[in-house]
Amino acid sequence: MSRSKTKCIRFFKELGIDDVPLVGGKNASLGEMVQKLSEQGVRVPHGFAITAEAYRYMLDAADARRPLRAELDQLDPTDVTALARKGKRAREIVYGAGLPGDLTAEIIDAYRKLQEKYGEEVRHGLDKPEPRHGGEDHPPDPGARATGRTAAMSATIFHCCAAVVRYAQGALL
């Protein structure tokens, strides 16, 4: 599957508050801080965001939108039991989608650029002392760890509370 030449990775220095639909509120805010506060001497961590386009591309490459949409049809945000069941199944679909090779390469390339500029202290936003998402071990290569965590991170939007909000906004797919 091929995708447009639009970048799936955006460095914080390229982002501002108008980019919330593209990269989410936290990433857009970090971009805004890098742009506005760094020049005033405030130390803001540099990094990159994986865009909503990358998420959609990942789903399309795995032909996962159809089963995801079928799972979420007639979602009732007031039925907590059904919501939990559907959310679990939606996360399984997204986890199973995996990352296309070109997207993986783009993520690793961005990670390496940060490492070259800032050294080994560069870490992925989901790095935690304790493993998450099923207790998997971290791969030894930080770039591989970053890409391995991207699908897991994408699937977190289907946890109950987040899914209800995104469903109400029409932003699940």
N, C-alpha and C. Protein backbone atom coordinates (compact mmCIF):
# COMPACT_ATOMS: atom_id res chain seq x y z
N MET A 1 0.85 -1.18 0.00
CA MET A 1 0.00 0.00 0.00
C MET A 1 0.89 1.23 0.00
N SER A 2 0.55 2.17 -0.82
CA SER A 2 1.32 3.41 -0.84
C SER A 2 0.51 4.51 -0.18
N ARG A 3 1.20 5.56 0.22
CA ARG A 3 0.52 6.68 0.85
C ARG A 3 1.01 7.96 0.22
N SER A 4 0.31 9.02 0.51
CA SER A 4 0.72 10.31 -0.03
C SER A 4 2.06 10.71 0.55
N LYS A 5 2.64 11.72 -0.02
CA LYS A 5 3.95 12.18 0.45
C LYS A 5 3.85 13.05 1.70
N THR A 6 2.63 13.25 2.22
CA THR A 6 2.48 14.02 3.44
C THR A 6 3.19 13.29 4.56
N LYS A 7 3.94 14.03 5.33
CA LYS A 7 4.72 13.41 6.40
C LYS A 7 3.81 12.88 7.50
N CYS A 8 4.17 11.73 8.00
CA CYS A 8 3.47 11.15 9.13
C CYS A 8 4.14 11.53 10.44
N ILE A 9 5.27 12.17 10.34
CA ILE A 9 6.03 12.61 11.51
C ILE A 9 6.16 14.12 11.43
N ARG A 10 5.93 14.79 12.52
CA ARG A 10 6.15 16.24 12.59
C ARG A 10 6.95 16.54 13.85
N PHE A 11 8.04 17.25 13.67
CA PHE A 11 8.84 17.66 14.82
C PHE A 11 8.13 18.80 15.55
N PHE A 12 8.31 18.87 16.86
CA PHE A 12 7.62 19.88 17.66
C PHE A 12 7.86 21.29 17.12
N LYS A 13 9.06 21.55 16.63
CA LYS A 13 9.36 22.90 16.13
C LYS A 13 8.50 23.27 14.92
N GLU A 14 7.88 22.29 14.29
CA GLU A 14 6.99 22.53 13.13
C GLU A 14 5.54 22.70 13.55
N LEU A 15 5.23 22.50 14.82
CA LEU A 15 3.85 22.44 15.27
C LEU A 15 3.44 23.66 16.07
N GLY A 16 2.16 23.96 16.01
CA GLY A 16 1.58 25.01 16.83
C GLY A 16 0.18 24.60 17.24
N ILE A 17 -0.49 25.46 17.95
CA ILE A 17 -1.79 25.14 18.51
C ILE A 17 -2.83 24.85 17.42
N ASP A 18 -2.63 25.35 16.22
CA ASP A 18 -3.56 25.08 15.12
C ASP A 18 -3.46 23.64 14.61
N ASP A 19 -2.46 22.90 15.09
CA ASP A 19 -2.24 21.53 14.63
C ASP A 19 -2.89 20.47 15.50
N VAL A 20 -3.78 20.88 16.40
CA VAL A 20 -4.46 19.91 17.28
C VAL A 20 -5.12 18.79 16.48
N PRO A 21 -5.87 19.07 15.39
CA PRO A 21 -6.47 17.96 14.64
C PRO A 21 -5.44 17.01 14.03
N LEU A 22 -4.27 17.49 13.75
CA LEU A 22 -3.22 16.70 13.11
C LEU A 22 -2.46 15.82 14.10
N VAL A 23 -2.17 16.36 15.30
CA VAL A 23 -1.29 15.64 16.24
C VAL A 23 -1.82 15.57 17.67
N GLY A 24 -2.99 16.12 17.92
CA GLY A 24 -3.54 16.09 19.27
C GLY A 24 -3.09 17.29 20.09
N GLY A 25 -3.79 17.51 21.18
CA GLY A 25 -3.56 18.68 22.01
C GLY A 25 -2.21 18.72 22.70
N LYS A 26 -1.75 17.60 23.24
CA LYS A 26 -0.47 17.60 23.96
C LYS A 26 0.70 17.91 23.02
N ASN A 27 0.71 17.26 21.87
CA ASN A 27 1.79 17.49 20.92
C ASN A 27 1.75 18.91 20.35
N ALA A 28 0.56 19.38 20.01
CA ALA A 28 0.43 20.75 19.49
C ALA A 28 0.90 21.75 20.54
N SER A 29 0.56 21.51 21.80
CA SER A 29 0.99 22.40 22.88
C SER A 29 2.50 22.37 23.06
N LEU A 30 3.10 21.19 22.95
CA LEU A 30 4.56 21.11 23.03
C LEU A 30 5.20 21.89 21.88
N GLY A 31 4.62 21.78 20.69
CA GLY A 31 5.13 22.55 19.56
C GLY A 31 5.03 24.04 19.81
N GLU A 32 3.91 24.45 20.35
CA GLU A 32 3.71 25.87 20.67
C GLU A 32 4.76 26.33 21.68
N MET A 33 5.02 25.49 22.69
CA MET A 33 6.02 25.86 23.70
C MET A 33 7.42 25.93 23.11
N VAL A 34 7.76 24.97 22.24
CA VAL A 34 9.08 25.00 21.60
C VAL A 34 9.23 26.30 20.82
N GLN A 35 8.21 26.66 20.07
CA GLN A 35 8.28 27.87 19.25
C GLN A 35 8.32 29.15 20.07
N LYS A 36 7.50 29.22 21.10
CA LYS A 36 7.33 30.48 21.82
C LYS A 36 8.25 30.64 23.04
N LEU A 37 8.54 29.53 23.72
CA LEU A 37 9.29 29.65 24.98
C LEU A 37 10.79 29.39 24.83
N SER A 38 11.17 28.56 23.86
CA SER A 38 12.60 28.26 23.68
C SER A 38 13.40 29.53 23.42
N GLU A 39 12.85 30.42 22.61
CA GLU A 39 13.56 31.67 22.29
C GLU A 39 13.69 32.58 23.51
N GLN A 40 12.90 32.32 24.55
CA GLN A 40 12.98 33.11 25.78
C GLN A 40 13.85 32.42 26.83
N GLY A 41 14.51 31.34 26.44
CA GLY A 41 15.41 30.65 27.34
C GLY A 41 14.78 29.55 28.17
N VAL A 42 13.50 29.29 27.98
CA VAL A 42 12.83 28.21 28.71
C VAL A 42 13.19 26.90 28.02
N ARG A 43 13.65 25.93 28.80
CA ARG A 43 14.03 24.64 28.23
C ARG A 43 12.80 23.78 28.04
N VAL A 44 12.50 23.49 26.79
CA VAL A 44 11.36 22.67 26.42
C VAL A 44 11.91 21.45 25.70
N PRO A 45 11.46 20.24 26.07
CA PRO A 45 12.00 19.06 25.41
C PRO A 45 11.65 19.03 23.92
N HIS A 46 12.62 18.70 23.11
CA HIS A 46 12.39 18.57 21.67
C HIS A 46 11.90 17.15 21.41
N GLY A 47 11.17 17.00 20.35
CA GLY A 47 10.66 15.68 20.01
C GLY A 47 9.85 15.74 18.74
N PHE A 48 9.09 14.69 18.52
CA PHE A 48 8.25 14.64 17.33
C PHE A 48 6.93 13.97 17.67
N ALA A 49 5.95 14.24 16.83
CA ALA A 49 4.63 13.64 16.96
C ALA A 49 4.36 12.75 15.77
N ILE A 50 3.63 11.70 16.00
CA ILE A 50 3.15 10.84 14.94
C ILE A 50 1.73 11.31 14.64
N THR A 51 1.46 11.64 13.40
CA THR A 51 0.23 12.33 13.03
C THR A 51 -0.99 11.40 12.95
N ALA A 52 -2.15 12.03 12.93
CA ALA A 52 -3.40 11.30 12.73
C ALA A 52 -3.40 10.61 11.37
N GLU A 53 -2.73 11.22 10.39
CA GLU A 53 -2.62 10.57 9.08
C GLU A 53 -1.88 9.24 9.20
N ALA A 54 -0.86 9.20 10.03
CA ALA A 54 -0.12 7.95 10.22
C ALA A 54 -1.03 6.87 10.80
N TYR A 55 -1.88 7.25 11.74
CA TYR A 55 -2.83 6.32 12.34
C TYR A 55 -3.77 5.77 11.27
N ARG A 56 -4.32 6.68 10.45
CA ARG A 56 -5.24 6.24 9.39
C ARG A 56 -4.50 5.36 8.37
N TYR A 57 -3.28 5.74 8.04
CA TYR A 57 -2.48 4.94 7.11
C TYR A 57 -2.23 3.54 7.66
N MET A 58 -1.91 3.46 8.94
CA MET A 58 -1.69 2.17 9.58
C MET A 58 -2.94 1.30 9.47
N LEU A 59 -4.12 1.88 9.75
CA LEU A 59 -5.37 1.13 9.64
C LEU A 59 -5.64 0.69 8.21
N ASP A 60 -5.41 1.60 7.25
CA ASP A 60 -5.67 1.27 5.85
C ASP A 60 -4.72 0.20 5.33
N ALA A 61 -3.45 0.28 5.71
CA ALA A 61 -2.47 -0.70 5.24
C ALA A 61 -2.81 -2.11 5.71
N ALA A 62 -3.45 -2.22 6.86
CA ALA A 62 -3.84 -3.52 7.41
C ALA A 62 -5.29 -3.87 7.09
N ASP A 63 -5.95 -3.03 6.32
CA ASP A 63 -7.37 -3.20 6.02
C ASP A 63 -8.17 -3.38 7.32
N ALA A 64 -7.85 -2.54 8.30
CA ALA A 64 -8.46 -2.67 9.62
C ALA A 64 -9.64 -1.74 9.84
N ARG A 65 -9.86 -0.79 8.96
CA ARG A 65 -10.97 0.15 9.19
C ARG A 65 -12.33 -0.54 9.16
N ARG A 66 -12.51 -1.45 8.21
CA ARG A 66 -13.80 -2.13 8.08
C ARG A 66 -14.14 -2.92 9.35
N PRO A 67 -13.26 -3.79 9.84
CA PRO A 67 -13.61 -4.50 11.08
C PRO A 67 -13.73 -3.57 12.29
N LEU A 68 -12.94 -2.51 12.30
CA LEU A 68 -13.02 -1.55 13.39
C LEU A 68 -14.37 -0.83 13.36
N ARG A 69 -14.77 -0.41 12.18
CA ARG A 69 -16.06 0.27 12.03
C ARG A 69 -17.19 -0.68 12.40
N ALA A 70 -17.10 -1.93 11.96
CA ALA A 70 -18.15 -2.92 12.29
C ALA A 70 -18.24 -3.11 13.81
N GLU A 71 -17.09 -3.15 14.46
CA GLU A 71 -17.08 -3.32 15.92
C GLU A 71 -17.70 -2.13 16.63
N LEU A 72 -17.53 -0.95 16.08
CA LEU A 72 -17.98 0.27 16.75
C LEU A 72 -19.37 0.73 16.30
N ASP A 73 -19.94 0.05 15.30
CA ASP A 73 -21.29 0.41 14.88
C ASP A 73 -22.25 0.30 16.05
N GLN A 74 -23.14 1.23 16.13
CA GLN A 74 -24.17 1.27 17.16
C GLN A 74 -23.58 1.22 18.57
N LEU A 75 -22.45 1.89 18.74
CA LEU A 75 -21.83 2.01 20.05
C LEU A 75 -22.76 2.79 20.97
N ASP A 76 -23.04 2.24 22.13
CA ASP A 76 -23.89 2.93 23.11
C ASP A 76 -23.01 3.37 24.27
N PRO A 77 -22.68 4.66 24.33
CA PRO A 77 -21.78 5.13 25.38
C PRO A 77 -22.33 5.00 26.80
N THR A 78 -23.62 4.66 26.92
CA THR A 78 -24.19 4.49 28.26
C THR A 78 -24.12 3.04 28.74
N ASP A 79 -23.82 2.10 27.84
CA ASP A 79 -23.72 0.69 28.21
C ASP A 79 -22.26 0.35 28.48
N VAL A 80 -21.87 0.47 29.74
CA VAL A 80 -20.47 0.34 30.12
C VAL A 80 -19.93 -1.06 29.82
N THR A 81 -20.72 -2.08 30.03
CA THR A 81 -20.27 -3.45 29.78
C THR A 81 -19.98 -3.65 28.28
N ALA A 82 -20.92 -3.24 27.44
CA ALA A 82 -20.72 -3.37 25.99
C ALA A 82 -19.57 -2.48 25.53
N LEU A 83 -19.47 -1.30 26.13
CA LEU A 83 -18.39 -0.38 25.77
C LEU A 83 -17.03 -0.99 26.09
N ALA A 84 -16.91 -1.62 27.24
CA ALA A 84 -15.64 -2.28 27.60
C ALA A 84 -15.32 -3.41 26.63
N ARG A 85 -16.35 -4.20 26.28
CA ARG A 85 -16.14 -5.33 25.35
C ARG A 85 -15.74 -4.82 23.97
N LYS A 86 -16.45 -3.82 23.48
CA LYS A 86 -16.15 -3.28 22.16
C LYS A 86 -14.78 -2.57 22.16
N GLY A 87 -14.48 -1.87 23.23
CA GLY A 87 -13.18 -1.22 23.35
C GLY A 87 -12.04 -2.22 23.33
N LYS A 88 -12.21 -3.33 24.04
CA LYS A 88 -11.18 -4.38 24.05
C LYS A 88 -10.99 -4.94 22.64
N ARG A 89 -12.07 -5.21 21.96
CA ARG A 89 -11.97 -5.75 20.60
C ARG A 89 -11.35 -4.73 19.65
N ALA A 90 -11.71 -3.45 19.79
CA ALA A 90 -11.13 -2.40 18.95
C ALA A 90 -9.63 -2.31 19.18
N ARG A 91 -9.20 -2.39 20.44
CA ARG A 91 -7.75 -2.36 20.73
C ARG A 91 -7.05 -3.55 20.10
N GLU A 92 -7.67 -4.71 20.13
CA GLU A 92 -7.07 -5.90 19.50
C GLU A 92 -6.90 -5.68 18.00
N ILE A 93 -7.88 -5.07 17.36
CA ILE A 93 -7.80 -4.79 15.92
C ILE A 93 -6.65 -3.84 15.64
N VAL A 94 -6.54 -2.78 16.43
CA VAL A 94 -5.48 -1.80 16.20
C VAL A 94 -4.12 -2.40 16.52
N TYR A 95 -3.99 -3.12 17.64
CA TYR A 95 -2.72 -3.78 17.98
C TYR A 95 -2.30 -4.70 16.83
N GLY A 96 -3.27 -5.42 16.29
CA GLY A 96 -2.97 -6.39 15.24
C GLY A 96 -2.62 -5.76 13.90
N ALA A 97 -2.96 -4.49 13.73
CA ALA A 97 -2.69 -3.83 12.44
C ALA A 97 -1.20 -3.74 12.15
N GLY A 98 -0.40 -3.48 13.16
CA GLY A 98 1.04 -3.34 12.95
C GLY A 98 1.37 -2.10 12.14
N LEU A 99 2.63 -1.78 12.10
CA LEU A 99 3.07 -0.59 11.36
C LEU A 99 3.62 -0.98 10.00
N PRO A 100 3.20 -0.29 8.95
CA PRO A 100 3.80 -0.53 7.64
C PRO A 100 5.29 -0.20 7.68
N GLY A 101 6.07 -0.88 6.86
CA GLY A 101 7.52 -0.70 6.86
C GLY A 101 7.98 0.73 6.63
N ASP A 102 7.33 1.43 5.70
CA ASP A 102 7.77 2.81 5.42
C ASP A 102 7.47 3.73 6.60
N LEU A 103 6.38 3.48 7.31
CA LEU A 103 6.07 4.28 8.48
C LEU A 103 7.06 3.97 9.61
N THR A 104 7.38 2.71 9.78
CA THR A 104 8.39 2.32 10.77
C THR A 104 9.71 3.02 10.48
N ALA A 105 10.11 3.03 9.21
CA ALA A 105 11.37 3.68 8.82
C ALA A 105 11.32 5.18 9.12
N GLU A 106 10.18 5.81 8.87
CA GLU A 106 10.04 7.24 9.13
C GLU A 106 10.15 7.55 10.63
N ILE A 107 9.55 6.70 11.46
CA ILE A 107 9.63 6.89 12.91
C ILE A 107 11.06 6.71 13.40
N ILE A 108 11.71 5.65 12.93
CA ILE A 108 13.10 5.40 13.34
C ILE A 108 14.01 6.52 12.87
N ASP A 109 13.80 7.02 11.66
CA ASP A 109 14.60 8.12 11.14
C ASP A 109 14.45 9.37 12.02
N ALA A 110 13.23 9.69 12.40
CA ALA A 110 13.00 10.86 13.27
C ALA A 110 13.67 10.65 14.62
N TYR A 111 13.56 9.46 15.14
CA TYR A 111 14.19 9.14 16.43
C TYR A 111 15.71 9.29 16.35
N ARG A 112 16.27 8.78 15.29
CA ARG A 112 17.73 8.88 15.09
C ARG A 112 18.18 10.34 14.98
N LYS A 113 17.38 11.16 14.29
CA LYS A 113 17.72 12.59 14.17
C LYS A 113 17.77 13.24 15.55
N LEU A 114 16.83 12.89 16.40
CA LEU A 114 16.87 13.43 17.76
C LEU A 114 18.09 12.92 18.52
N GLN A 115 18.39 11.64 18.36
CA GLN A 115 19.57 11.08 19.03
C GLN A 115 20.85 11.76 18.57
N GLU A 116 20.96 12.00 17.27
CA GLU A 116 22.16 12.67 16.74
C GLU A 116 22.31 14.07 17.33
N LYS A 117 21.21 14.75 17.49
CA LYS A 117 21.25 16.12 17.98
C LYS A 117 21.37 16.21 19.50
N TYR A 118 20.68 15.31 20.22
CA TYR A 118 20.60 15.44 21.67
C TYR A 118 21.24 14.30 22.45
N GLY A 119 21.73 13.29 21.77
CA GLY A 119 22.42 12.21 22.46
C GLY A 119 21.51 11.08 22.89
N GLU A 120 22.07 10.21 23.69
CA GLU A 120 21.38 8.99 24.09
C GLU A 120 20.23 9.19 25.06
N GLU A 121 20.09 10.39 25.64
CA GLU A 121 19.01 10.58 26.60
C GLU A 121 17.64 10.68 25.93
N VAL A 122 17.59 10.68 24.60
CA VAL A 122 16.33 10.71 23.89
C VAL A 122 15.56 9.44 24.22
N ARG A 123 14.30 9.62 24.55
CA ARG A 123 13.47 8.47 24.86
C ARG A 123 12.10 8.64 24.26
N HIS A 124 11.40 7.56 24.11
CA HIS A 124 10.05 7.55 23.56
C HIS A 124 9.08 7.99 24.65
N GLY A 125 8.05 8.68 24.27
CA GLY A 125 7.07 9.20 25.22
C GLY A 125 6.38 8.14 26.05
N LEU A 126 6.37 6.90 25.61
CA LEU A 126 5.74 5.84 26.39
C LEU A 126 6.73 5.06 27.23
N ASP A 127 8.02 5.42 27.19
CA ASP A 127 8.99 4.71 28.03
C ASP A 127 8.62 4.91 29.49
N LYS A 128 8.55 3.84 30.21
CA LYS A 128 8.23 3.87 31.64
C LYS A 128 9.15 2.86 32.33
N PRO A 129 9.41 3.07 33.61
CA PRO A 129 10.21 2.08 34.32
C PRO A 129 9.56 0.69 34.31
N GLU A 130 8.24 0.66 34.37
CA GLU A 130 7.52 -0.61 34.35
C GLU A 130 6.91 -0.81 32.97
N PRO A 131 6.98 -2.03 32.41
CA PRO A 131 6.36 -2.27 31.11
C PRO A 131 4.86 -2.03 31.17
N ARG A 132 4.29 -1.59 30.04
CA ARG A 132 2.85 -1.38 29.93
C ARG A 132 2.30 -2.23 28.81
N HIS A 133 1.00 -2.19 28.67
CA HIS A 133 0.31 -2.88 27.56
C HIS A 133 0.67 -4.36 27.50
N GLY A 134 0.30 -5.07 28.52
CA GLY A 134 0.47 -6.51 28.49
C GLY A 134 1.80 -6.99 29.04
N GLY A 135 2.62 -6.12 29.56
CA GLY A 135 3.87 -6.51 30.22
C GLY A 135 4.97 -6.93 29.28
N GLU A 136 4.92 -6.53 28.02
CA GLU A 136 5.97 -6.93 27.09
C GLU A 136 7.31 -6.29 27.47
N ASP A 137 8.37 -6.96 27.13
CA ASP A 137 9.69 -6.41 27.39
C ASP A 137 10.03 -5.35 26.36
N HIS A 138 10.87 -4.40 26.75
CA HIS A 138 11.32 -3.38 25.80
C HIS A 138 12.38 -3.97 24.89
N PRO A 139 12.28 -3.77 23.58
CA PRO A 139 13.38 -4.17 22.70
C PRO A 139 14.63 -3.36 23.08
N PRO A 140 15.83 -3.92 22.89
CA PRO A 140 17.04 -3.23 23.31
C PRO A 140 17.31 -1.95 22.53
N ASP A 141 16.90 -1.86 21.28
CA ASP A 141 17.14 -0.68 20.47
C ASP A 141 16.04 0.34 20.70
N PRO A 142 16.38 1.55 21.16
CA PRO A 142 15.34 2.54 21.44
C PRO A 142 14.48 2.89 20.22
N GLY A 143 15.05 2.90 19.03
CA GLY A 143 14.26 3.18 17.83
C GLY A 143 13.22 2.09 17.61
N ALA A 144 13.62 0.84 17.80
CA ALA A 144 12.67 -0.27 17.68
C ALA A 144 11.62 -0.19 18.78
N ARG A 145 12.03 0.22 19.97
CA ARG A 145 11.08 0.38 21.07
C ARG A 145 10.05 1.44 20.71
N ALA A 146 10.50 2.54 20.11
CA ALA A 146 9.58 3.62 19.74
C ALA A 146 8.54 3.12 18.74
N THR A 147 8.97 2.38 17.73
CA THR A 147 8.02 1.91 16.74
C THR A 147 7.14 0.81 17.31
N GLY A 148 7.69 -0.04 18.15
CA GLY A 148 6.90 -1.10 18.76
C GLY A 148 5.80 -0.56 19.64
N ARG A 149 6.01 0.59 20.24
CA ARG A 149 5.03 1.18 21.12
C ARG A 149 3.99 2.02 20.38
N THR A 150 4.24 2.35 19.13
CA THR A 150 3.33 3.23 18.40
C THR A 150 1.97 2.59 18.20
N ALA A 151 1.91 1.33 17.79
CA ALA A 151 0.62 0.67 17.61
C ALA A 151 -0.10 0.55 18.95
N ALA A 152 0.65 0.24 20.00
CA ALA A 152 0.04 0.15 21.33
C ALA A 152 -0.53 1.50 21.74
N MET A 153 0.21 2.56 21.48
CA MET A 153 -0.25 3.89 21.81
C MET A 153 -1.50 4.23 21.01
N SER A 154 -1.52 3.87 19.73
CA SER A 154 -2.68 4.14 18.88
C SER A 154 -3.91 3.43 19.41
N ALA A 155 -3.74 2.25 19.95
CA ALA A 155 -4.88 1.48 20.44
C ALA A 155 -5.45 2.04 21.73
N THR A 156 -4.70 2.85 22.46
CA THR A 156 -5.20 3.37 23.73
C THR A 156 -6.39 4.28 23.55
N ILE A 157 -6.63 4.79 22.34
CA ILE A 157 -7.80 5.64 22.15
C ILE A 157 -9.09 4.86 22.33
N PHE A 158 -9.01 3.54 22.38
CA PHE A 158 -10.22 2.73 22.54
C PHE A 158 -10.45 2.27 23.97
N HIS A 159 -9.77 2.90 24.94
CA HIS A 159 -10.14 2.66 26.32
C HIS A 159 -11.44 3.41 26.57
N CYS A 160 -12.26 2.92 27.45
CA CYS A 160 -13.66 3.36 27.59
C CYS A 160 -13.87 4.87 27.59
N CYS A 161 -13.26 5.58 28.51
CA CYS A 161 -13.52 7.02 28.62
C CYS A 161 -13.10 7.75 27.36
N ALA A 162 -11.91 7.44 26.87
CA ALA A 162 -11.42 8.10 25.66
C ALA A 162 -12.31 7.76 24.47
N ALA A 163 -12.77 6.53 24.39
CA ALA A 163 -13.61 6.13 23.27
C ALA A 163 -14.94 6.87 23.28
N VAL A 164 -15.53 7.06 24.46
CA VAL A 164 -16.81 7.79 24.54
C VAL A 164 -16.64 9.21 24.04
N VAL A 165 -15.56 9.88 24.49
CA VAL A 165 -15.33 11.25 24.06
C VAL A 165 -15.10 11.31 22.57
N ARG A 166 -14.25 10.44 22.05
CA ARG A 166 -13.96 10.47 20.61
C ARG A 166 -15.18 10.07 19.78
N TYR A 167 -15.96 9.14 20.30
CA TYR A 167 -17.19 8.76 19.60
C TYR A 167 -18.12 9.95 19.48
N ALA A 168 -18.29 10.69 20.58
CA ALA A 168 -19.15 11.88 20.57
C ALA A 168 -18.64 12.93 19.60
N GLN A 169 -17.31 12.99 19.42
CA GLN A 169 -16.70 13.96 18.51
C GLN A 169 -16.66 13.45 17.07
N GLY A 170 -16.99 12.18 16.87
CA GLY A 170 -16.91 11.58 15.55
C GLY A 170 -15.48 11.35 15.11
N ALA A 171 -14.59 11.12 16.07
CA ALA A 171 -13.15 11.06 15.76
C ALA A 171 -12.52 9.69 15.97
N LEU A 172 -13.30 8.62 16.01
CA LEU A 172 -12.70 7.30 16.24
C LEU A 172 -12.05 6.73 14.99
N LEU A 173 -12.55 7.04 13.84
CA LEU A 173 -11.98 6.51 12.60
C LEU A 173 -11.60 7.69 11.79
